[in-house]
Amino acid sequence: MSPGAQIMPQTSTVIARPVMAIHSILIVEDDSDTLDAMRRILEPRGYSVSIATGGKEAIQSLNRRAFDLVITDILMPDVDGFQLIVLLRQNFPKTRCIAITGGGRINSDTYLLIARGFGADLVLPKPITNDTLVTAIRAIEARSGLSPPKPRGEK
């Protein structure tokens, strides 16, 4: 390093904005079939959906833009859903979070209870039906006094 050069510490910027409705959703899921199914359920209902196939990719997405809601699987190979929930609560406290899991080495209810403890707004066991997913998002909207977006094609 040349004399007088400084290493600047990296800082993360928290994107703060009031959430009036849930419009943008980041789905974090390592199973491509589940990921595609959730996207097909939500986009026609007016939600803007972004996807990440793991926790590392989700963190990159969160650092690029703000999301109103993150739906995250818990068991993923790189950064797990627990770590992602903690990051959300520390850096993006207004972003809502739904944790999902099909279980693993222990009962899925245990994973979901832990996710709730870390700050997930809602937890859902897999498999998730279309109605269950939409109802969960609407419950978060209602609890927060938010309005759902208009389905595509409606004005």
N, C-alpha and C. Protein backbone atom coordinates (compact mmCIF):
# COMPACT_ATOMS: atom_id res chain seq x y z
N MET A 1 0.86 -1.16 0.00
CA MET A 1 0.00 0.00 0.00
C MET A 1 0.91 1.22 0.00
N SER A 2 0.52 2.23 -0.79
CA SER A 2 1.33 3.43 -0.88
C SER A 2 1.16 4.29 0.36
N PRO A 3 2.20 5.12 0.68
CA PRO A 3 2.09 5.98 1.87
C PRO A 3 0.89 6.91 1.73
N GLY A 4 0.16 7.07 2.81
CA GLY A 4 -0.99 7.97 2.81
C GLY A 4 -2.28 7.31 2.36
N ALA A 5 -2.20 6.09 1.82
CA ALA A 5 -3.41 5.40 1.38
C ALA A 5 -4.13 4.84 2.61
N GLN A 6 -5.43 4.85 2.55
CA GLN A 6 -6.22 4.35 3.67
C GLN A 6 -7.15 3.25 3.20
N ILE A 7 -7.38 2.34 4.07
CA ILE A 7 -8.40 1.32 3.80
C ILE A 7 -9.67 1.82 4.46
N MET A 8 -10.67 2.01 3.67
CA MET A 8 -11.94 2.49 4.19
C MET A 8 -12.77 1.29 4.63
N PRO A 9 -13.29 1.34 5.86
CA PRO A 9 -14.13 0.21 6.28
C PRO A 9 -15.40 0.16 5.45
N GLN A 10 -15.83 -1.06 5.17
CA GLN A 10 -17.08 -1.21 4.44
C GLN A 10 -18.23 -0.96 5.39
N THR A 11 -19.19 -0.19 4.92
CA THR A 11 -20.38 0.04 5.71
C THR A 11 -21.57 -0.39 4.90
N SER A 12 -22.59 -0.83 5.58
CA SER A 12 -23.81 -1.18 4.86
C SER A 12 -24.82 -0.08 5.10
N THR A 13 -25.53 0.25 4.08
CA THR A 13 -26.55 1.27 4.17
C THR A 13 -27.89 0.60 4.35
N VAL A 14 -28.61 1.02 5.35
CA VAL A 14 -29.95 0.50 5.57
C VAL A 14 -30.91 1.35 4.76
N ILE A 15 -31.65 0.71 3.88
CA ILE A 15 -32.62 1.42 3.06
C ILE A 15 -33.91 1.50 3.85
N ALA A 16 -34.22 2.69 4.33
CA ALA A 16 -35.43 2.86 5.14
C ALA A 16 -36.48 3.60 4.32
N ARG A 17 -37.67 3.06 4.32
CA ARG A 17 -38.78 3.71 3.65
C ARG A 17 -40.06 3.19 4.27
N PRO A 18 -41.08 4.02 4.32
CA PRO A 18 -42.32 3.53 4.90
C PRO A 18 -42.94 2.48 4.00
N VAL A 19 -43.47 1.44 4.60
CA VAL A 19 -44.12 0.38 3.84
C VAL A 19 -45.63 0.60 3.93
N MET A 20 -46.26 0.94 2.80
CA MET A 20 -47.69 1.18 2.76
C MET A 20 -48.44 -0.07 2.30
N ALA A 21 -47.77 -0.89 1.54
CA ALA A 21 -48.35 -2.13 1.05
C ALA A 21 -47.20 -3.07 0.73
N ILE A 22 -47.49 -4.34 0.74
CA ILE A 22 -46.47 -5.30 0.34
C ILE A 22 -46.57 -5.43 -1.17
N HIS A 23 -45.55 -4.94 -1.85
CA HIS A 23 -45.51 -5.05 -3.31
C HIS A 23 -44.34 -5.90 -3.76
N SER A 24 -43.18 -5.70 -3.13
CA SER A 24 -41.98 -6.41 -3.58
C SER A 24 -41.64 -7.52 -2.60
N ILE A 25 -41.49 -8.71 -3.16
CA ILE A 25 -41.22 -9.90 -2.36
C ILE A 25 -39.95 -10.57 -2.88
N LEU A 26 -39.06 -10.91 -1.96
CA LEU A 26 -37.89 -11.71 -2.28
C LEU A 26 -38.15 -13.12 -1.74
N ILE A 27 -38.13 -14.10 -2.65
CA ILE A 27 -38.30 -15.50 -2.25
C ILE A 27 -36.92 -16.14 -2.25
N VAL A 28 -36.56 -16.73 -1.11
CA VAL A 28 -35.25 -17.37 -0.95
C VAL A 28 -35.50 -18.85 -0.73
N GLU A 29 -35.15 -19.64 -1.73
CA GLU A 29 -35.48 -21.08 -1.70
C GLU A 29 -34.50 -21.82 -2.59
N ASP A 30 -33.91 -22.90 -2.07
CA ASP A 30 -32.95 -23.65 -2.87
C ASP A 30 -33.59 -24.73 -3.74
N ASP A 31 -34.88 -24.95 -3.59
CA ASP A 31 -35.60 -25.91 -4.43
C ASP A 31 -36.28 -25.15 -5.57
N SER A 32 -35.83 -25.38 -6.80
CA SER A 32 -36.33 -24.59 -7.94
C SER A 32 -37.82 -24.80 -8.21
N ASP A 33 -38.34 -26.00 -7.95
CA ASP A 33 -39.78 -26.23 -8.16
C ASP A 33 -40.62 -25.40 -7.20
N THR A 34 -40.23 -25.35 -5.94
CA THR A 34 -40.95 -24.55 -4.94
C THR A 34 -40.84 -23.07 -5.28
N LEU A 35 -39.66 -22.66 -5.67
CA LEU A 35 -39.41 -21.26 -6.05
C LEU A 35 -40.32 -20.84 -7.21
N ASP A 36 -40.36 -21.65 -8.25
CA ASP A 36 -41.19 -21.34 -9.42
C ASP A 36 -42.68 -21.35 -9.07
N ALA A 37 -43.09 -22.30 -8.25
CA ALA A 37 -44.51 -22.38 -7.87
C ALA A 37 -44.94 -21.13 -7.10
N MET A 38 -44.12 -20.69 -6.16
CA MET A 38 -44.48 -19.49 -5.39
C MET A 38 -44.53 -18.25 -6.29
N ARG A 39 -43.59 -18.17 -7.21
CA ARG A 39 -43.59 -17.03 -8.14
C ARG A 39 -44.87 -17.03 -8.98
N ARG A 40 -45.27 -18.21 -9.48
CA ARG A 40 -46.49 -18.32 -10.30
C ARG A 40 -47.75 -17.97 -9.51
N ILE A 41 -47.72 -18.22 -8.21
CA ILE A 41 -48.86 -17.88 -7.35
C ILE A 41 -48.94 -16.36 -7.12
N LEU A 42 -47.80 -15.73 -6.89
CA LEU A 42 -47.79 -14.34 -6.42
C LEU A 42 -47.80 -13.29 -7.52
N GLU A 43 -47.10 -13.52 -8.61
CA GLU A 43 -47.03 -12.48 -9.65
C GLU A 43 -48.40 -12.10 -10.23
N PRO A 44 -49.28 -13.05 -10.54
CA PRO A 44 -50.60 -12.66 -11.06
C PRO A 44 -51.44 -11.87 -10.06
N ARG A 45 -51.10 -11.95 -8.79
CA ARG A 45 -51.84 -11.22 -7.76
C ARG A 45 -51.27 -9.80 -7.56
N GLY A 46 -50.32 -9.41 -8.40
CA GLY A 46 -49.81 -8.05 -8.38
C GLY A 46 -48.52 -7.84 -7.61
N TYR A 47 -47.94 -8.90 -7.08
CA TYR A 47 -46.69 -8.77 -6.34
C TYR A 47 -45.51 -8.79 -7.31
N SER A 48 -44.52 -7.95 -7.04
CA SER A 48 -43.27 -7.96 -7.79
C SER A 48 -42.35 -8.95 -7.08
N VAL A 49 -42.01 -10.03 -7.76
CA VAL A 49 -41.28 -11.13 -7.13
C VAL A 49 -39.85 -11.19 -7.67
N SER A 50 -38.90 -11.23 -6.74
CA SER A 50 -37.50 -11.50 -7.07
C SER A 50 -37.15 -12.81 -6.40
N ILE A 51 -36.17 -13.51 -6.95
CA ILE A 51 -35.82 -14.81 -6.39
C ILE A 51 -34.34 -14.87 -6.06
N ALA A 52 -34.04 -15.71 -5.08
CA ALA A 52 -32.66 -16.02 -4.72
C ALA A 52 -32.64 -17.51 -4.40
N THR A 53 -31.62 -18.20 -4.88
CA THR A 53 -31.55 -19.64 -4.69
C THR A 53 -30.77 -20.04 -3.43
N GLY A 54 -30.40 -19.05 -2.64
CA GLY A 54 -29.69 -19.32 -1.39
C GLY A 54 -29.52 -18.04 -0.60
N GLY A 55 -29.00 -18.20 0.61
CA GLY A 55 -28.84 -17.06 1.50
C GLY A 55 -27.84 -16.03 1.01
N LYS A 56 -26.73 -16.47 0.43
CA LYS A 56 -25.73 -15.51 -0.07
C LYS A 56 -26.32 -14.64 -1.17
N GLU A 57 -27.02 -15.25 -2.08
CA GLU A 57 -27.66 -14.52 -3.17
C GLU A 57 -28.73 -13.57 -2.62
N ALA A 58 -29.43 -13.99 -1.59
CA ALA A 58 -30.45 -13.13 -0.96
C ALA A 58 -29.81 -11.89 -0.34
N ILE A 59 -28.69 -12.06 0.32
CA ILE A 59 -27.99 -10.92 0.93
C ILE A 59 -27.57 -9.93 -0.15
N GLN A 60 -27.07 -10.43 -1.26
CA GLN A 60 -26.70 -9.55 -2.37
C GLN A 60 -27.92 -8.77 -2.87
N SER A 61 -29.05 -9.45 -3.01
CA SER A 61 -30.29 -8.79 -3.45
C SER A 61 -30.73 -7.73 -2.46
N LEU A 62 -30.67 -8.05 -1.17
CA LEU A 62 -31.08 -7.10 -0.13
C LEU A 62 -30.18 -5.87 -0.10
N ASN A 63 -28.91 -6.04 -0.43
CA ASN A 63 -27.99 -4.90 -0.46
C ASN A 63 -28.18 -4.03 -1.70
N ARG A 64 -28.82 -4.59 -2.73
CA ARG A 64 -29.07 -3.82 -3.96
C ARG A 64 -30.37 -3.03 -3.91
N ARG A 65 -31.39 -3.58 -3.23
CA ARG A 65 -32.69 -2.90 -3.20
C ARG A 65 -33.51 -3.33 -1.99
N ALA A 66 -34.53 -2.55 -1.71
CA ALA A 66 -35.39 -2.84 -0.57
C ALA A 66 -36.52 -3.77 -0.99
N PHE A 67 -36.93 -4.62 -0.08
CA PHE A 67 -38.07 -5.50 -0.28
C PHE A 67 -39.05 -5.29 0.86
N ASP A 68 -40.32 -5.45 0.57
CA ASP A 68 -41.34 -5.33 1.60
C ASP A 68 -41.46 -6.63 2.41
N LEU A 69 -41.19 -7.75 1.74
CA LEU A 69 -41.34 -9.06 2.37
C LEU A 69 -40.27 -10.01 1.85
N VAL A 70 -39.71 -10.79 2.75
CA VAL A 70 -38.81 -11.87 2.37
C VAL A 70 -39.45 -13.17 2.84
N ILE A 71 -39.58 -14.11 1.90
CA ILE A 71 -40.04 -15.46 2.23
C ILE A 71 -38.82 -16.34 2.11
N THR A 72 -38.37 -16.92 3.22
CA THR A 72 -37.13 -17.68 3.18
C THR A 72 -37.29 -19.10 3.70
N ASP A 73 -36.68 -20.01 2.97
CA ASP A 73 -36.53 -21.37 3.46
C ASP A 73 -35.55 -21.30 4.63
N ILE A 74 -35.61 -22.25 5.51
CA ILE A 74 -34.69 -22.25 6.65
C ILE A 74 -33.44 -23.06 6.34
N LEU A 75 -33.61 -24.24 5.78
CA LEU A 75 -32.46 -25.12 5.54
C LEU A 75 -31.95 -24.93 4.12
N MET A 76 -30.80 -24.26 4.03
CA MET A 76 -30.16 -24.01 2.73
C MET A 76 -28.67 -24.25 2.89
N PRO A 77 -27.98 -24.60 1.81
CA PRO A 77 -26.58 -25.00 1.94
C PRO A 77 -25.58 -23.89 2.27
N ASP A 78 -25.80 -22.67 1.84
CA ASP A 78 -24.78 -21.65 2.09
C ASP A 78 -25.08 -20.86 3.36
N VAL A 79 -25.90 -19.85 3.27
CA VAL A 79 -26.35 -19.09 4.44
C VAL A 79 -27.77 -19.55 4.73
N ASP A 80 -28.01 -20.04 5.94
CA ASP A 80 -29.33 -20.59 6.22
C ASP A 80 -30.34 -19.49 6.55
N GLY A 81 -31.60 -19.90 6.62
CA GLY A 81 -32.68 -18.95 6.87
C GLY A 81 -32.60 -18.27 8.22
N PHE A 82 -32.06 -18.97 9.23
CA PHE A 82 -31.90 -18.35 10.55
C PHE A 82 -30.97 -17.14 10.46
N GLN A 83 -29.83 -17.33 9.77
CA GLN A 83 -28.88 -16.23 9.61
C GLN A 83 -29.51 -15.07 8.83
N LEU A 84 -30.30 -15.42 7.84
CA LEU A 84 -30.96 -14.39 7.03
C LEU A 84 -31.98 -13.61 7.86
N ILE A 85 -32.73 -14.28 8.71
CA ILE A 85 -33.71 -13.61 9.56
C ILE A 85 -33.00 -12.64 10.51
N VAL A 86 -31.89 -13.08 11.10
CA VAL A 86 -31.13 -12.21 12.01
C VAL A 86 -30.64 -10.97 11.25
N LEU A 87 -30.12 -11.18 10.04
CA LEU A 87 -29.66 -10.06 9.22
C LEU A 87 -30.80 -9.09 8.91
N LEU A 88 -31.96 -9.63 8.59
CA LEU A 88 -33.13 -8.79 8.31
C LEU A 88 -33.48 -7.93 9.53
N ARG A 89 -33.55 -8.56 10.68
CA ARG A 89 -33.95 -7.83 11.89
C ARG A 89 -32.93 -6.76 12.25
N GLN A 90 -31.65 -7.02 12.02
CA GLN A 90 -30.60 -6.05 12.36
C GLN A 90 -30.51 -4.91 11.35
N ASN A 91 -30.64 -5.22 10.07
CA ASN A 91 -30.36 -4.23 9.02
C ASN A 91 -31.57 -3.74 8.26
N PHE A 92 -32.64 -4.50 8.26
CA PHE A 92 -33.84 -4.15 7.50
C PHE A 92 -35.07 -4.40 8.37
N PRO A 93 -35.18 -3.70 9.50
CA PRO A 93 -36.22 -4.03 10.48
C PRO A 93 -37.66 -3.87 9.98
N LYS A 94 -37.89 -3.07 8.96
CA LYS A 94 -39.25 -2.88 8.45
C LYS A 94 -39.65 -3.95 7.43
N THR A 95 -38.69 -4.71 6.96
CA THR A 95 -38.98 -5.78 6.01
C THR A 95 -39.63 -6.94 6.75
N ARG A 96 -40.80 -7.35 6.28
CA ARG A 96 -41.51 -8.47 6.89
C ARG A 96 -40.84 -9.77 6.46
N CYS A 97 -41.05 -10.84 7.24
CA CYS A 97 -40.38 -12.11 6.94
C CYS A 97 -41.30 -13.29 7.24
N ILE A 98 -41.40 -14.19 6.26
CA ILE A 98 -42.07 -15.48 6.44
C ILE A 98 -41.01 -16.55 6.29
N ALA A 99 -40.89 -17.42 7.30
CA ALA A 99 -39.94 -18.53 7.25
C ALA A 99 -40.71 -19.80 6.91
N ILE A 100 -40.11 -20.63 6.04
CA ILE A 100 -40.74 -21.88 5.63
C ILE A 100 -39.73 -23.02 5.75
N THR A 101 -40.24 -24.21 6.03
CA THR A 101 -39.35 -25.38 6.05
C THR A 101 -40.16 -26.66 5.94
N GLY A 102 -39.50 -27.66 5.39
CA GLY A 102 -40.08 -29.00 5.33
C GLY A 102 -39.45 -29.90 6.38
N GLY A 103 -38.63 -29.32 7.22
CA GLY A 103 -37.96 -30.10 8.26
C GLY A 103 -36.62 -30.60 7.77
N GLY A 104 -35.98 -31.33 8.59
CA GLY A 104 -34.65 -31.86 8.27
C GLY A 104 -34.30 -32.91 9.29
N ARG A 105 -33.21 -32.68 10.01
CA ARG A 105 -32.78 -33.64 11.03
C ARG A 105 -33.72 -33.66 12.23
N ILE A 106 -34.41 -32.54 12.44
CA ILE A 106 -35.36 -32.47 13.54
C ILE A 106 -36.73 -32.10 12.98
N ASN A 107 -37.74 -32.16 13.78
CA ASN A 107 -39.11 -31.85 13.39
C ASN A 107 -39.21 -30.43 12.83
N SER A 108 -39.98 -30.24 11.77
CA SER A 108 -40.10 -28.90 11.16
C SER A 108 -40.69 -27.89 12.14
N ASP A 109 -41.55 -28.33 13.07
CA ASP A 109 -42.11 -27.41 14.06
C ASP A 109 -41.02 -26.78 14.92
N THR A 110 -39.97 -27.55 15.21
CA THR A 110 -38.86 -27.02 16.00
C THR A 110 -38.13 -25.94 15.23
N TYR A 111 -37.85 -26.19 13.95
CA TYR A 111 -37.20 -25.18 13.11
C TYR A 111 -38.04 -23.90 13.05
N LEU A 112 -39.35 -24.07 12.89
CA LEU A 112 -40.24 -22.92 12.77
C LEU A 112 -40.32 -22.13 14.08
N LEU A 113 -40.28 -22.83 15.20
CA LEU A 113 -40.28 -22.16 16.50
C LEU A 113 -39.00 -21.34 16.68
N ILE A 114 -37.88 -21.89 16.27
CA ILE A 114 -36.60 -21.16 16.34
C ILE A 114 -36.65 -19.95 15.43
N ALA A 115 -37.18 -20.11 14.22
CA ALA A 115 -37.28 -18.99 13.27
C ALA A 115 -38.13 -17.87 13.85
N ARG A 116 -39.21 -18.24 14.50
CA ARG A 116 -40.08 -17.25 15.15
C ARG A 116 -39.30 -16.50 16.23
N GLY A 117 -38.49 -17.23 16.99
CA GLY A 117 -37.67 -16.62 18.03
C GLY A 117 -36.65 -15.64 17.48
N PHE A 118 -36.13 -15.91 16.29
CA PHE A 118 -35.17 -15.01 15.66
C PHE A 118 -35.84 -13.79 15.04
N GLY A 119 -37.18 -13.81 14.92
CA GLY A 119 -37.88 -12.62 14.43
C GLY A 119 -38.71 -12.79 13.18
N ALA A 120 -38.92 -14.02 12.71
CA ALA A 120 -39.82 -14.20 11.56
C ALA A 120 -41.22 -13.75 11.97
N ASP A 121 -41.88 -13.01 11.09
CA ASP A 121 -43.24 -12.54 11.37
C ASP A 121 -44.25 -13.67 11.34
N LEU A 122 -43.98 -14.64 10.49
CA LEU A 122 -44.89 -15.77 10.31
C LEU A 122 -44.07 -16.98 9.89
N VAL A 123 -44.51 -18.16 10.25
CA VAL A 123 -43.81 -19.38 9.87
C VAL A 123 -44.80 -20.36 9.25
N LEU A 124 -44.34 -21.09 8.23
CA LEU A 124 -45.20 -22.04 7.53
C LEU A 124 -44.46 -23.35 7.28
N PRO A 125 -45.10 -24.48 7.58
CA PRO A 125 -44.48 -25.76 7.23
C PRO A 125 -44.74 -26.08 5.75
N LYS A 126 -43.78 -26.75 5.13
CA LYS A 126 -43.98 -27.23 3.76
C LYS A 126 -44.67 -28.58 3.83
N PRO A 127 -45.39 -28.98 2.82
CA PRO A 127 -45.70 -28.24 1.59
C PRO A 127 -46.71 -27.13 1.86
N ILE A 128 -46.60 -26.08 1.08
CA ILE A 128 -47.46 -24.91 1.24
C ILE A 128 -48.43 -24.86 0.06
N THR A 129 -49.72 -24.76 0.37
CA THR A 129 -50.72 -24.64 -0.70
C THR A 129 -50.78 -23.19 -1.17
N ASN A 130 -51.34 -22.98 -2.34
CA ASN A 130 -51.52 -21.63 -2.87
C ASN A 130 -52.29 -20.76 -1.88
N ASP A 131 -53.40 -21.29 -1.39
CA ASP A 131 -54.25 -20.53 -0.46
C ASP A 131 -53.50 -20.19 0.82
N THR A 132 -52.71 -21.12 1.33
CA THR A 132 -51.97 -20.87 2.57
C THR A 132 -50.96 -19.74 2.38
N LEU A 133 -50.25 -19.75 1.26
CA LEU A 133 -49.26 -18.71 0.98
C LEU A 133 -49.92 -17.34 0.88
N VAL A 134 -50.97 -17.25 0.11
CA VAL A 134 -51.66 -15.96 -0.08
C VAL A 134 -52.29 -15.50 1.24
N THR A 135 -52.89 -16.42 1.98
CA THR A 135 -53.49 -16.07 3.27
C THR A 135 -52.44 -15.56 4.25
N ALA A 136 -51.26 -16.17 4.24
CA ALA A 136 -50.17 -15.73 5.13
C ALA A 136 -49.74 -14.30 4.81
N ILE A 137 -49.59 -14.00 3.54
CA ILE A 137 -49.18 -12.65 3.14
C ILE A 137 -50.28 -11.66 3.50
N ARG A 138 -51.52 -12.01 3.25
CA ARG A 138 -52.64 -11.12 3.59
C ARG A 138 -52.72 -10.90 5.10
N ALA A 139 -52.39 -11.92 5.89
CA ALA A 139 -52.39 -11.78 7.35
C ALA A 139 -51.34 -10.77 7.79
N ILE A 140 -50.16 -10.82 7.19
CA ILE A 140 -49.11 -9.85 7.52
C ILE A 140 -49.56 -8.45 7.11
N GLU A 141 -50.18 -8.34 5.93
CA GLU A 141 -50.69 -7.04 5.48
C GLU A 141 -51.73 -6.50 6.45
N ALA A 142 -52.67 -7.34 6.85
CA ALA A 142 -53.75 -6.91 7.75
C ALA A 142 -53.20 -6.51 9.12
N ARG A 143 -52.29 -7.32 9.64
CA ARG A 143 -51.70 -7.04 10.95
C ARG A 143 -50.93 -5.72 10.94
N SER A 144 -50.39 -5.37 9.79
CA SER A 144 -49.58 -4.17 9.66
C SER A 144 -50.36 -2.98 9.12
N GLY A 145 -51.65 -3.18 8.86
CA GLY A 145 -52.47 -2.10 8.31
C GLY A 145 -52.12 -1.76 6.87
N LEU A 146 -51.67 -2.75 6.12
CA LEU A 146 -51.25 -2.55 4.73
C LEU A 146 -52.32 -3.06 3.77
N SER A 147 -52.25 -2.58 2.55
CA SER A 147 -53.17 -3.01 1.50
C SER A 147 -52.45 -3.93 0.53
N PRO A 148 -53.13 -4.97 0.04
CA PRO A 148 -52.50 -5.81 -0.98
C PRO A 148 -52.47 -5.06 -2.31
N PRO A 149 -51.54 -5.41 -3.19
CA PRO A 149 -51.52 -4.75 -4.50
C PRO A 149 -52.72 -5.20 -5.34
N LYS A 150 -52.99 -4.45 -6.39
CA LYS A 150 -54.06 -4.85 -7.31
C LYS A 150 -53.53 -5.94 -8.22
N PRO A 151 -54.34 -6.98 -8.46
CA PRO A 151 -53.90 -8.05 -9.36
C PRO A 151 -53.55 -7.47 -10.73
N ARG A 152 -52.67 -8.16 -11.42
CA ARG A 152 -52.27 -7.70 -12.75
C ARG A 152 -53.49 -7.57 -13.63
N GLY A 153 -53.52 -6.49 -14.40
CA GLY A 153 -54.63 -6.25 -15.31
C GLY A 153 -55.72 -5.36 -14.71
N GLU A 154 -55.73 -5.19 -13.38
CA GLU A 154 -56.71 -4.31 -12.74
C GLU A 154 -56.11 -2.92 -12.58
N LYS A 155 -56.98 -1.92 -12.66
CA LYS A 155 -56.51 -0.55 -12.44
C LYS A 155 -57.23 0.07 -11.31
